Structures are given as C-alpha cells and as structure tokens.
Amino acid sequence: MLSIQDFVKREDLTRFQLDSYNWLIERGLQEVIDEKGALEIDIPDYALELGKIRVGSPRVNESGEGPVPRSPFECRLRNLTYSAPILLEFKQNGESVEVEVGYLPVMLDSNICMLHGLSRQELIESGEDPEDLGGYFIINGTERSLIIVEDLAPNRIVTTKETIAGKDVVVAKVFSVRQGFRSRVTVEKRETAGSGSLFVTFPGIPNRINLTILMKALGMTTDEILDQFDDDAKLEVTLNLELKDMEGAEAFDYLGKRAGAGHAKQYQATRANQVINNFLLPHIGNTEDDRKAKARYLAIMAQKVIDLDLDKREPDDKDHYSNKRLRLAGDLMQELFRVSFNKISRDIKYQLEKQHARHRQVNIKTAVRSNNLTESINYALATGNWTGGRSGVSQVLDRTNHLASIAHRRRVSSLLSRSHPHFEARDLHATQWGRICPNETPEGQNCGLVKNLAVGSVISPEIDEKAVEKYLHEFGV
C-alpha cells in the first residue's frame, strides 16, 4: 500500500519540470532546427543549411572578461542571468561552421546545470540549499518559475451544442496544431435560408463556407462525399450538395474568391492553395497530397455533428480532463525558442544579403547577432509575456517558505479570460479527482482557473503515436 510519504520520497515533486526541460535540451531545440532545415538566401551560388544544435555549460558573458562560469548563488547576488550558450552548426556550401547564436536560461538542477549530481555537502559549499528541488530559472538575479499551462488537447474533435445569436447550433471543433502553429477549425450545423446547413470555419477565410463546396475544392467528387457518411447523414449532405452544386474546379475558384477577395484572379488561386495547405487542418499535412485526407477528416467532424443533432450521441464534455493537456517548461520554452529563432533567421538572411550587396566576404559568423535571441528569450522569462499574447506564464518564485516554493512550481493556470464567468470551467470536475487539489485555488477572479496539482498526480510525457498506429494498422483495426 503506497502512502503519500512514499510517493514524495520516490518521485520528486518537481521532477516533471526537470524532465521536460531536459527533453528540450536533448531533442526539443533540434526539432525546431529540423523544421527550418535551410535558410533561403538570395545570393548566387550560396547555400546555407542548418545542422546540429547543442547547449554548452552555464556561463555569464561578463563585460571586459568574456564568458565566465558563474554559480547560481553568485547570479542571485550579482543580479545576473544563469544561462548557457546555444551553439548551432551552419553549413555554408557544404562547409560546417559552429556559431554561438545566443544564450538559453538554465533550469536549476537540470542535466546541464552545474549543481546537477552534486552531493549534499558540495551543494552546501556552493551556497545552495540541499533540500531545494530546483525546477526554476534565475533571470537578472530573480528566481522565476514557469507556471504549468492547462490547454485543450490539440488535434482532438470536441462536439457540443451551443446557442449563438439566439440560434441553436451544433458545433464540432478541433485545435489543429503543427510546428507551434495553432489553427481553430469548426464544422457546424445551423439553419439558414437557402445556403445549406453544414458550414466550416477556419483561419484565412472570412465568415463560414459551405462544407460540400470545401470538400469539392479539396478534390472529392459528389459520390466520394456521400460515401463518407452513413444513411441518416446522407439526406442532410445531399440537400447541401443540391443547394450549392459545383464541380471541383468551380469550387476551388469560389474558395479563391473568398480567400483573396478584392485581389487579382491569379493571386486568388495562389491564396486558395496557401489557405488550404497551411490553415486548414495543418496537423494532417501541408501538401496537395494531403487534401483528400483533410476532406475525410472534415467528413468525420460533420458526421459527429449530424449524429449529435439527431440525438444519436451525447455532446462531449470539454471540461473532462481527458480533453485537457498540461504544457510544461520544455514545451513552453520550445515555443518561445521557435518564435525567437524565426526572428533571428530573418535577421541572418538580411545581414548576409547586405554583406553580398556591399561586395564583402559573406561570413555567417559576423552575420549572426546573438544578442537578438538572448534578449527575446530573457524578456519573456523576465516579464511573463509569452508568445500568442499570453501573460503571467513566468512568475517570481514564492519563497515565503519551503512548502510555498514547491506549491508554486506545481501551479496550473488556465488560459481562459479572468473577466468572463466561465462557470463550468471554474467548477470542480469529477475527472480532476486525484489529479488536481480540490481546495487550493485563489479567491476572486482567478478562482477555479488557477489550480494546483494533487500530491499523487503524475504527468505522463507525450509519445509519438506513429508506432501505435502502425501496430493497429497491422492488426487490421
């Protein structure tokens, strides 16, 4: 029989944050570089590819002294940032050059921290508390902790009944996420006068668009569309097909007019391709070969909407904890690094092209201005203002006492607006039992939106589902 004391001894109370940060160092940063692949530079006979990325040992760039190792204790005393250099391999026309692109704040007691693996006596000699569990950063001498962010599960269809502008609407919604980009796609059934009943909304298209027109624009024929639905749903879909009867090319032109309204016809076709590839269900893919798969996915969403409308299924509970995911330090830092790296990629391109225009030797070492990346990451951690307009992601670590500091590192915050009621989201849900503490939540506008992990809760890491899909396919499921 496990007791709470056994759990605390066996499983560190902040180990999940350290594991997440270690994943960022080992694989997370490299994923961002692999997504980028190569930088397109407008210089004849010049190619620039990105290779391996690694993080060095913690050091502080002292003015006049250069990079010098500094302990966390000294960083606190002297208002320094405890960080380590990021070294990226560039391949200029096949020739490898390793360049320092910036500094990454180091999480205390992570694998790259100088305190990692020290004995109790060595920690005391370094000026550290041997009971401190780590899992936070030191930015300009201030200890800052990243709050765990509670978010809706990505790439998961949630079907609900809603009332919009006094009308009952059945909605299937999915947050499609690919490489940090998040696209909200909905399929809804609503009664309209003569323009059909099934509609899709997604970024890049103003207002909603008829489902069957979009499926035809994605390359499906009328028969293929009808084959995606069961007998009960076919009548609804047939009515929509007859109301807006278009062939594939005509449907694609219609989509182009909606996406590129007010622009030249040639641009409209380009815009339609861009919108379909990048904004419509990006997690499925972003090439023309993925379009039929996207149409089938939309059909699944529409089938769920029709089933719910016919009372053949229950609405999904978006407050159920199986529909939530917790974003830890590694995931949040990867998102921040991706945005910051995209900024310096544009700057590198500009600097290299400027060197070429001035007939100078094109040199990647002088083109990289490492301060840009460092300042971008440090600013977000110092202020808590994260990408996507979120605030309060990074907070000053509560050092009232030992328990308060541990509780702060296990705090969970929802992204919902504090000023709206959100009664259901604030309520205690049955599925939070054993995962979220039912008592520890602030009073006032944060009530129910800021929560704390229960002592016995375990955060499982995300795994690649391709291996599971492969086995299911082999078993004929």
Protein backbone atom coordinates (compact mmCIF):
# COMPACT_ATOMS: atom_id res chain seq x y z
CA MET A 1 0.00 0.00 0.00
CA LEU A 2 1.50 3.36 -1.07
CA SER A 3 1.39 6.29 1.32
CA ILE A 4 1.84 9.94 0.32
CA GLN A 5 5.22 9.92 2.08
CA ASP A 6 6.38 7.02 -0.16
CA PHE A 7 5.30 8.93 -3.24
CA VAL A 8 7.11 12.11 -2.20
CA LYS A 9 10.32 10.16 -1.48
CA ARG A 10 10.20 8.09 -4.66
CA GLU A 11 9.01 10.79 -7.11
CA ASP A 12 10.39 14.28 -6.86
CA LEU A 13 7.60 16.83 -6.55
CA THR A 14 9.08 18.96 -9.36
CA ARG A 15 10.77 16.17 -11.38
CA PHE A 16 8.29 16.59 -14.27
CA GLN A 17 9.54 20.15 -14.95
CA LEU A 18 13.17 18.98 -14.96
CA ASP A 19 12.37 16.06 -17.29
CA SER A 20 10.54 18.45 -19.63
CA TYR A 21 13.50 20.89 -19.70
CA ASN A 22 15.96 18.01 -20.27
CA TRP A 23 13.81 16.91 -23.24
CA LEU A 24 14.10 20.47 -24.60
CA ILE A 25 17.93 20.34 -24.41
CA GLU A 26 18.21 16.81 -25.84
CA ARG A 27 15.53 16.90 -28.56
CA GLY A 28 13.23 19.95 -28.40
CA LEU A 29 15.68 22.56 -29.76
CA GLN A 30 16.83 20.19 -32.54
CA GLU A 31 13.19 19.68 -33.61
CA VAL A 32 12.87 23.45 -34.24
CA ILE A 33 16.11 23.47 -36.28
CA ASP A 34 14.99 20.40 -38.30
CA GLU A 35 11.66 22.12 -39.09
CA LYS A 36 13.60 25.05 -40.54
CA GLY A 37 16.08 22.85 -42.43
CA ALA A 38 17.77 25.55 -44.52
CA LEU A 39 17.68 29.33 -44.89
CA GLU A 40 16.86 30.70 -48.34
CA ILE A 41 19.47 33.37 -49.06
CA ASP A 42 19.22 35.45 -52.27
CA ILE A 43 22.93 35.16 -53.14
CA PRO A 44 24.10 33.32 -56.30
CA ASP A 45 25.96 30.03 -55.66
CA TYR A 46 25.45 30.28 -51.90
CA ALA A 47 23.58 27.70 -49.83
CA LEU A 48 23.09 27.82 -46.06
CA GLU A 49 21.82 24.75 -44.23
CA LEU A 50 21.24 24.22 -40.51
CA GLY A 51 22.86 21.25 -38.76
CA LYS A 52 23.10 20.13 -35.14
CA ILE A 53 22.36 22.37 -32.18
CA ARG A 54 23.79 21.97 -28.69
CA VAL A 55 23.81 23.88 -25.41
CA GLY A 56 27.16 24.47 -23.70
CA SER A 57 27.93 24.68 -19.97
CA PRO A 58 26.46 27.58 -17.93
CA ARG A 59 28.43 30.83 -18.11
CA VAL A 60 27.88 34.56 -17.87
CA ASN A 61 29.15 36.99 -20.51
CA GLU A 62 30.93 39.48 -18.25
CA SER A 63 31.80 42.84 -19.80
CA GLY A 64 35.56 43.01 -20.30
CA GLU A 65 36.14 39.38 -19.24
CA GLY A 66 34.16 37.40 -21.82
CA PRO A 67 32.17 34.23 -20.95
CA VAL A 68 32.98 33.12 -17.38
CA PRO A 69 31.37 30.26 -15.39
CA ARG A 70 29.23 31.65 -12.55
CA SER A 71 27.34 29.64 -9.93
CA PRO A 72 23.57 30.14 -9.33
CA PHE A 73 24.45 31.59 -5.89
CA GLU A 74 26.64 34.28 -7.48
CA CYS A 75 23.99 35.02 -10.16
CA ARG A 76 21.44 35.71 -7.40
CA LEU A 77 23.84 38.00 -5.52
CA ARG A 78 25.02 39.99 -8.55
CA ASN A 79 21.69 40.19 -10.46
CA LEU A 80 22.98 38.04 -13.34
CA THR A 81 21.10 35.64 -15.62
CA TYR A 82 22.09 31.97 -15.16
CA SER A 83 22.31 30.83 -18.77
CA ALA A 84 24.33 28.74 -21.22
CA PRO A 85 25.47 29.41 -24.82
CA ILE A 86 23.49 27.88 -27.72
CA LEU A 87 25.86 26.62 -30.43
CA LEU A 88 24.41 25.95 -33.89
CA GLU A 89 26.14 24.26 -36.82
CA PHE A 90 25.74 26.14 -40.12
CA LYS A 91 26.72 24.51 -43.42
CA GLN A 92 27.92 27.15 -45.91
CA ASN A 93 28.07 25.45 -49.33
CA GLY A 94 28.73 22.15 -47.52
CA GLU A 95 31.38 23.55 -45.15
CA SER A 96 30.45 23.27 -41.45
CA VAL A 97 30.87 26.22 -39.07
CA GLU A 98 29.69 26.23 -35.43
CA VAL A 99 28.39 29.64 -34.32
CA GLU A 100 27.06 30.89 -30.98
CA VAL A 101 23.52 32.11 -31.75
CA GLY A 102 22.53 33.22 -28.24
CA TYR A 103 22.13 32.22 -24.59
CA LEU A 104 19.44 29.96 -23.09
CA PRO A 105 18.45 30.34 -19.40
CA VAL A 106 19.36 27.18 -17.48
CA MET A 107 16.83 25.47 -15.20
CA LEU A 108 18.40 24.72 -11.82
CA ASP A 109 19.24 21.02 -11.24
CA SER A 110 18.64 20.12 -14.92
CA ASN A 111 21.21 17.92 -16.70
CA ILE A 112 23.24 20.95 -17.91
CA CYS A 113 23.15 22.80 -14.55
CA MET A 114 26.47 22.89 -12.65
CA LEU A 115 24.58 21.77 -9.48
CA HIS A 116 23.38 18.55 -11.14
CA GLY A 117 24.78 15.43 -9.45
CA LEU A 118 26.47 17.30 -6.56
CA SER A 119 26.42 15.70 -3.10
CA ARG A 120 24.66 17.31 -0.12
CA GLN A 121 27.96 18.68 1.24
CA GLU A 122 29.02 20.05 -2.18
CA LEU A 123 25.66 21.85 -2.52
CA ILE A 124 26.15 23.49 0.90
CA GLU A 125 29.67 24.58 -0.10
CA SER A 126 28.23 26.08 -3.33
CA GLY A 127 25.86 28.25 -1.23
CA GLU A 128 22.75 26.20 -2.17
CA ASP A 129 20.01 24.67 -0.03
CA PRO A 130 20.40 20.85 -0.33
CA GLU A 131 16.62 20.49 0.17
CA ASP A 132 15.84 22.76 -2.80
CA LEU A 133 14.33 20.71 -5.66
CA GLY A 134 15.30 23.08 -8.50
CA GLY A 135 12.98 23.44 -11.49
CA TYR A 136 13.20 27.27 -11.80
CA PHE A 137 15.36 29.88 -13.56
CA ILE A 138 17.48 32.83 -12.39
CA ILE A 139 16.82 35.89 -14.60
CA ASN A 140 18.65 39.12 -13.67
CA GLY A 141 19.18 37.73 -10.16
CA THR A 142 15.47 36.92 -9.64
CA GLU A 143 14.21 33.34 -9.23
CA ARG A 144 11.42 32.77 -11.74
CA SER A 145 9.19 29.72 -12.17
CA LEU A 146 7.22 28.74 -15.28
CA ILE A 147 3.57 28.06 -14.48
CA ILE A 148 2.09 24.84 -15.90
CA VAL A 149 -0.38 25.91 -18.61
CA GLU A 150 -3.65 23.98 -18.95
CA ASP A 151 -4.87 23.84 -22.54
CA LEU A 152 -7.44 21.97 -24.62
CA ALA A 153 -6.00 18.80 -26.18
CA PRO A 154 -4.73 19.56 -29.69
CA ASN A 155 -5.92 17.63 -32.78
CA ARG A 156 -8.94 16.25 -30.93
CA ILE A 157 -12.56 16.72 -32.07
CA VAL A 158 -14.95 18.08 -29.42
CA THR A 159 -18.65 18.18 -30.36
CA THR A 160 -21.07 20.40 -28.41
CA LYS A 161 -24.43 22.18 -28.66
CA GLU A 162 -24.23 25.97 -28.38
CA THR A 163 -26.53 28.97 -28.67
CA ILE A 164 -25.08 31.64 -30.98
CA ALA A 165 -27.04 34.88 -31.54
CA GLY A 166 -30.21 33.21 -30.25
CA LYS A 167 -29.91 30.20 -32.61
CA ASP A 168 -29.19 26.61 -31.58
CA VAL A 169 -26.03 25.45 -33.34
CA VAL A 170 -24.29 22.04 -33.19
CA VAL A 171 -20.52 22.51 -33.41
CA ALA A 172 -17.56 20.13 -33.85
CA LYS A 173 -14.33 21.96 -33.12
CA VAL A 174 -10.68 20.95 -33.32
CA PHE A 175 -7.49 22.87 -32.49
CA SER A 176 -5.16 21.66 -35.22
CA VAL A 177 -1.51 22.15 -34.16
CA ARG A 178 1.57 21.75 -36.35
CA GLN A 179 5.08 23.02 -35.53
CA GLY A 180 3.75 25.53 -33.00
CA PHE A 181 1.09 26.96 -35.35
CA ARG A 182 -2.44 26.58 -33.96
CA SER A 183 -5.50 26.64 -36.24
CA ARG A 184 -9.08 26.51 -34.91
CA VAL A 185 -11.30 24.58 -37.35
CA THR A 186 -15.04 24.14 -36.75
CA VAL A 187 -17.83 22.29 -38.56
CA GLU A 188 -21.30 23.49 -37.58
CA LYS A 189 -24.91 22.69 -38.41
CA ARG A 190 -27.23 25.68 -38.42
CA GLU A 191 -30.47 26.51 -40.20
CA THR A 192 -30.09 29.18 -42.91
CA ALA A 193 -32.32 30.48 -45.70
CA GLY A 194 -31.26 28.67 -48.87
CA SER A 195 -27.47 28.40 -48.40
CA GLY A 196 -27.26 24.94 -46.82
CA SER A 197 -26.96 23.76 -43.24
CA LEU A 198 -23.37 22.44 -42.85
CA PHE A 199 -20.55 25.01 -42.66
CA VAL A 200 -16.83 25.14 -41.96
CA THR A 201 -14.85 28.00 -40.39
CA PHE A 202 -11.05 28.18 -40.32
CA PRO A 203 -8.37 30.93 -40.40
CA GLY A 204 -7.80 32.66 -43.74
CA ILE A 205 -11.45 32.57 -44.87
CA PRO A 206 -13.73 35.39 -43.74
CA ASN A 207 -17.03 34.01 -42.40
CA ARG A 208 -18.13 30.41 -42.80
CA ILE A 209 -18.00 28.37 -46.03
CA ASN A 210 -20.32 25.55 -47.12
CA LEU A 211 -18.88 22.11 -46.18
CA THR A 212 -19.65 20.40 -49.50
CA ILE A 213 -18.06 23.23 -51.54
CA LEU A 214 -14.88 22.93 -49.46
CA MET A 215 -14.79 19.12 -49.84
CA LYS A 216 -15.13 19.50 -53.62
CA ALA A 217 -12.36 22.12 -53.63
CA LEU A 218 -10.22 19.53 -51.82
CA GLY A 219 -10.65 17.15 -54.76
CA MET A 220 -13.65 14.95 -53.84
CA THR A 221 -16.49 14.09 -56.23
CA THR A 222 -20.18 14.02 -55.23
CA ASP A 223 -20.15 10.20 -54.92
CA GLU A 224 -16.97 10.23 -52.83
CA ILE A 225 -18.50 12.81 -50.49
CA LEU A 226 -21.67 10.75 -49.98
CA ASP A 227 -19.60 7.59 -49.33
CA GLN A 228 -18.11 9.27 -46.25
CA PHE A 229 -21.47 9.40 -44.43
CA ASP A 230 -23.97 6.85 -43.05
CA ASP A 231 -27.56 6.58 -44.33
CA ASP A 232 -29.02 9.01 -41.76
CA ALA A 233 -26.50 11.71 -42.63
CA LYS A 234 -26.66 11.25 -46.42
CA LEU A 235 -30.01 13.09 -46.71
CA GLU A 236 -28.58 16.20 -44.97
CA VAL A 237 -25.42 16.11 -47.12
CA THR A 238 -27.40 15.56 -50.35
CA LEU A 239 -29.52 18.65 -49.62
CA ASN A 240 -26.33 20.70 -49.15
CA LEU A 241 -24.87 19.31 -52.40
CA GLU A 242 -28.00 20.21 -54.39
CA LEU A 243 -28.26 23.73 -52.93
CA LYS A 244 -24.63 24.51 -53.87
CA ASP A 245 -23.97 22.33 -56.91
CA MET A 246 -20.40 22.98 -58.13
CA GLU A 247 -17.67 20.95 -59.79
CA GLY A 248 -14.17 20.70 -58.30
CA ALA A 249 -12.52 23.50 -60.35
CA GLU A 250 -15.52 25.81 -59.84
CA ALA A 251 -15.48 25.12 -56.07
CA PHE A 252 -11.73 25.89 -55.93
CA ASP A 253 -12.30 29.20 -57.78
CA TYR A 254 -15.09 30.06 -55.33
CA LEU A 255 -12.72 29.35 -52.42
CA GLY A 256 -10.09 31.59 -54.07
CA LYS A 257 -12.61 34.45 -54.38
CA ARG A 258 -13.46 34.11 -50.67
CA ALA A 259 -9.82 33.85 -49.53
CA GLY A 260 -8.41 36.56 -51.82
CA ALA A 261 -11.37 38.92 -52.02
CA GLY A 262 -10.51 42.16 -53.81
CA HIS A 263 -7.31 40.81 -55.37
CA ALA A 264 -6.37 39.80 -58.93
CA LYS A 265 -7.58 36.40 -60.17
CA GLN A 266 -4.04 34.96 -60.39
CA TYR A 267 -3.45 35.85 -56.74
CA GLN A 268 -6.78 34.30 -55.70
CA ALA A 269 -5.69 30.82 -56.87
CA THR A 270 -2.35 31.21 -55.02
CA ARG A 271 -4.17 32.38 -51.91
CA ALA A 272 -6.60 29.43 -52.05
CA ASN A 273 -3.64 26.98 -52.22
CA GLN A 274 -1.94 28.75 -49.32
CA VAL A 275 -5.07 28.74 -47.15
CA ILE A 276 -5.85 25.05 -47.79
CA ASN A 277 -2.27 23.87 -47.26
CA ASN A 278 -1.33 25.96 -44.23
CA PHE A 279 -4.51 26.93 -42.36
CA LEU A 280 -6.97 24.04 -42.91
CA LEU A 281 -6.16 21.16 -40.51
CA PRO A 282 -2.36 21.68 -40.66
CA HIS A 283 -1.69 18.66 -38.39
CA ILE A 284 -2.75 16.33 -41.25
CA GLY A 285 -0.16 17.84 -43.63
CA ASN A 286 0.58 20.88 -45.77
CA THR A 287 0.92 19.46 -49.29
CA GLU A 288 -1.55 18.79 -52.11
CA ASP A 289 -1.30 15.03 -51.44
CA ASP A 290 -2.95 15.56 -48.02
CA ARG A 291 -6.10 17.24 -49.36
CA LYS A 292 -8.26 14.08 -49.64
CA ALA A 293 -7.25 13.16 -46.07
CA LYS A 294 -8.37 16.64 -44.93
CA ALA A 295 -11.72 16.17 -46.70
CA ARG A 296 -12.20 12.81 -44.95
CA TYR A 297 -11.40 14.41 -41.59
CA LEU A 298 -13.99 17.16 -42.23
CA ALA A 299 -16.50 14.40 -43.09
CA ILE A 300 -15.82 12.72 -39.73
CA MET A 301 -16.44 16.05 -37.97
CA ALA A 302 -19.67 16.58 -39.95
CA GLN A 303 -20.84 13.03 -39.17
CA LYS A 304 -20.38 13.72 -35.44
CA VAL A 305 -22.34 16.99 -35.77
CA ILE A 306 -25.25 15.26 -37.56
CA ASP A 307 -25.25 12.38 -35.03
CA LEU A 308 -25.44 14.85 -32.14
CA ASP A 309 -28.23 16.78 -33.89
CA LEU A 310 -30.19 13.52 -34.30
CA ASP A 311 -29.52 12.60 -30.63
CA LYS A 312 -27.55 9.52 -31.69
CA ARG A 313 -24.65 10.58 -29.44
CA GLU A 314 -24.04 12.64 -26.32
CA PRO A 315 -22.26 16.02 -26.50
CA ASP A 316 -18.58 15.94 -25.50
CA ASP A 317 -17.61 17.46 -22.16
CA LYS A 318 -14.80 19.94 -22.88
CA ASP A 319 -14.12 20.25 -19.13
CA HIS A 320 -13.41 16.49 -18.89
CA TYR A 321 -9.73 16.13 -18.02
CA SER A 322 -9.13 13.67 -20.88
CA ASN A 323 -9.78 16.66 -23.19
CA LYS A 324 -7.07 18.75 -21.44
CA ARG A 325 -3.29 18.77 -21.74
CA LEU A 326 -0.72 20.36 -19.44
CA ARG A 327 2.11 22.30 -21.07
CA LEU A 328 5.33 22.15 -19.07
CA ALA A 329 8.54 24.20 -19.10
CA GLY A 330 10.15 22.34 -22.04
CA ASP A 331 7.12 22.75 -24.31
CA LEU A 332 6.70 26.44 -23.41
CA MET A 333 10.42 27.16 -23.89
CA GLN A 334 10.41 25.34 -27.25
CA GLU A 335 7.53 27.55 -28.41
CA LEU A 336 9.44 30.65 -27.28
CA PHE A 337 12.67 29.46 -28.95
CA ARG A 338 10.79 28.76 -32.21
CA VAL A 339 9.42 32.31 -32.42
CA SER A 340 12.75 33.86 -31.37
CA PHE A 341 14.74 31.73 -33.82
CA ASN A 342 12.43 32.70 -36.70
CA LYS A 343 13.20 36.35 -35.88
CA ILE A 344 16.97 35.87 -35.96
CA SER A 345 16.68 33.72 -39.13
CA ARG A 346 15.22 36.75 -40.93
CA ASP A 347 17.99 38.93 -39.47
CA ILE A 348 20.71 36.45 -40.61
CA LYS A 349 19.25 36.47 -44.14
CA TYR A 350 19.22 40.30 -44.16
CA GLN A 351 22.80 40.58 -42.84
CA LEU A 352 24.20 38.05 -45.35
CA GLU A 353 22.48 39.73 -48.30
CA LYS A 354 23.73 43.13 -47.07
CA GLN A 355 27.31 41.76 -46.94
CA HIS A 356 26.94 40.50 -50.52
CA ALA A 357 25.41 43.79 -51.75
CA ARG A 358 28.39 45.69 -50.31
CA HIS A 359 30.80 43.26 -52.06
CA ARG A 360 32.17 41.97 -48.79
CA GLN A 361 33.17 38.41 -47.94
CA VAL A 362 29.94 36.59 -46.98
CA ASN A 363 30.61 35.29 -43.47
CA ILE A 364 27.98 33.61 -41.27
CA LYS A 365 29.96 34.31 -38.06
CA THR A 366 29.63 38.09 -38.46
CA ALA A 367 26.01 37.83 -39.75
CA VAL A 368 24.70 36.20 -36.53
CA ARG A 369 23.83 38.79 -33.87
CA SER A 370 23.40 36.56 -30.82
CA ASN A 371 22.00 39.37 -28.62
CA ASN A 372 18.68 39.24 -30.51
CA LEU A 373 17.86 35.65 -29.48
CA THR A 374 19.15 36.11 -25.92
CA GLU A 375 17.15 39.31 -25.32
CA SER A 376 13.97 37.84 -26.81
CA ILE A 377 14.06 34.77 -24.52
CA ASN A 378 15.18 36.70 -21.41
CA TYR A 379 12.48 39.36 -21.91
CA ALA A 380 9.71 36.72 -22.00
CA LEU A 381 11.04 34.99 -18.87
CA ALA A 382 11.64 38.29 -17.02
CA THR A 383 8.16 39.73 -17.70
CA GLY A 384 5.99 36.62 -18.16
CA ASN A 385 4.72 37.98 -21.52
CA TRP A 386 4.76 34.88 -23.73
CA THR A 387 4.12 34.28 -27.41
CA GLY A 388 0.50 34.46 -28.55
CA GLY A 389 -0.28 37.45 -26.31
CA ARG A 390 -0.35 35.44 -23.06
CA SER A 391 0.86 36.98 -19.81
CA GLY A 392 1.78 35.60 -16.39
CA VAL A 393 3.42 32.43 -17.77
CA SER A 394 6.63 33.22 -15.84
CA GLN A 395 6.30 34.36 -12.21
CA VAL A 396 8.66 35.30 -9.37
CA LEU A 397 9.12 32.15 -7.28
CA ASP A 398 7.25 32.32 -3.97
CA ARG A 399 9.89 31.93 -1.23
CA THR A 400 7.60 32.52 1.78
CA ASN A 401 8.66 29.06 2.99
CA HIS A 402 9.75 25.69 1.57
CA LEU A 403 6.18 24.44 1.03
CA ALA A 404 5.14 27.65 -0.73
CA SER A 405 8.04 27.35 -3.19
CA ILE A 406 7.14 23.71 -4.03
CA ALA A 407 3.42 24.57 -4.40
CA HIS A 408 4.30 27.46 -6.76
CA ARG A 409 6.23 25.11 -9.08
CA ARG A 410 3.20 22.77 -9.19
CA ARG A 411 0.68 25.51 -10.03
CA VAL A 412 -1.61 25.02 -13.03
CA SER A 413 -3.09 28.03 -14.84
CA SER A 414 -5.86 28.08 -17.45
CA LEU A 415 -5.65 30.38 -20.48
CA LEU A 416 -9.29 31.49 -20.17
CA SER A 417 -10.09 35.17 -19.63
CA ARG A 418 -10.31 36.14 -15.96
CA SER A 419 -13.08 38.68 -16.59
CA HIS A 420 -15.64 36.20 -18.03
CA PRO A 421 -17.78 33.99 -15.77
CA HIS A 422 -16.78 30.55 -17.32
CA PHE A 423 -18.82 28.81 -14.61
CA GLU A 424 -18.28 25.29 -15.99
CA ALA A 425 -14.52 25.80 -16.40
CA ARG A 426 -14.18 27.06 -12.82
CA ASP A 427 -16.25 24.24 -11.33
CA LEU A 428 -14.60 21.23 -9.74
CA HIS A 429 -14.92 18.37 -12.25
CA ALA A 430 -15.19 14.71 -11.22
CA THR A 431 -12.26 13.77 -13.51
CA GLN A 432 -9.94 16.10 -11.54
CA TRP A 433 -10.06 13.64 -8.62
CA GLY A 434 -6.52 12.56 -7.72
CA ARG A 435 -5.05 14.91 -10.32
CA ILE A 436 -5.95 18.42 -9.12
CA CYS A 437 -6.22 19.59 -5.50
CA PRO A 438 -9.93 20.36 -4.83
CA ASN A 439 -9.16 23.01 -2.17
CA GLU A 440 -6.12 25.02 -3.20
CA THR A 441 -7.31 27.76 -5.54
CA PRO A 442 -7.27 31.54 -5.04
CA GLU A 443 -10.31 33.64 -4.22
CA GLY A 444 -11.56 36.35 -6.57
CA GLN A 445 -11.37 36.38 -10.37
CA ASN A 446 -8.75 33.58 -10.52
CA CYS A 447 -10.98 31.17 -8.59
CA GLY A 448 -11.09 27.79 -10.34
CA LEU A 449 -8.82 28.97 -13.17
CA VAL A 450 -5.59 28.76 -11.15
CA LYS A 451 -5.26 25.28 -9.66
CA ASN A 452 -2.58 23.10 -8.06
CA LEU A 453 -1.52 19.55 -8.80
CA ALA A 454 -2.51 16.93 -6.22
CA VAL A 455 0.46 15.34 -4.41
CA GLY A 456 -0.17 11.96 -6.04
CA SER A 457 -0.66 13.20 -9.60
CA VAL A 458 1.74 12.04 -12.32
CA ILE A 459 2.22 13.94 -15.59
CA SER A 460 2.88 11.47 -18.39
CA PRO A 461 5.07 12.69 -21.28
CA GLU A 462 3.72 12.92 -24.82
CA ILE A 463 4.71 9.95 -27.00
CA ASP A 464 4.92 9.56 -30.77
CA GLU A 465 1.70 7.82 -31.85
CA LYS A 466 3.06 6.60 -35.20
CA ALA A 467 4.35 3.33 -33.70
CA VAL A 468 0.92 2.62 -32.13
CA GLU A 469 -0.84 3.49 -35.42
CA LYS A 470 1.49 1.09 -37.26
CA TYR A 471 0.60 -1.81 -34.92
CA LEU A 472 -3.13 -1.03 -35.13
CA HIS A 473 -2.88 -1.00 -38.93
CA GLU A 474 -1.06 -4.37 -38.89
CA PHE A 475 -3.75 -5.84 -36.59
CA GLY A 476 -6.43 -4.62 -39.02
CA VAL A 477 -8.11 -2.29 -36.50
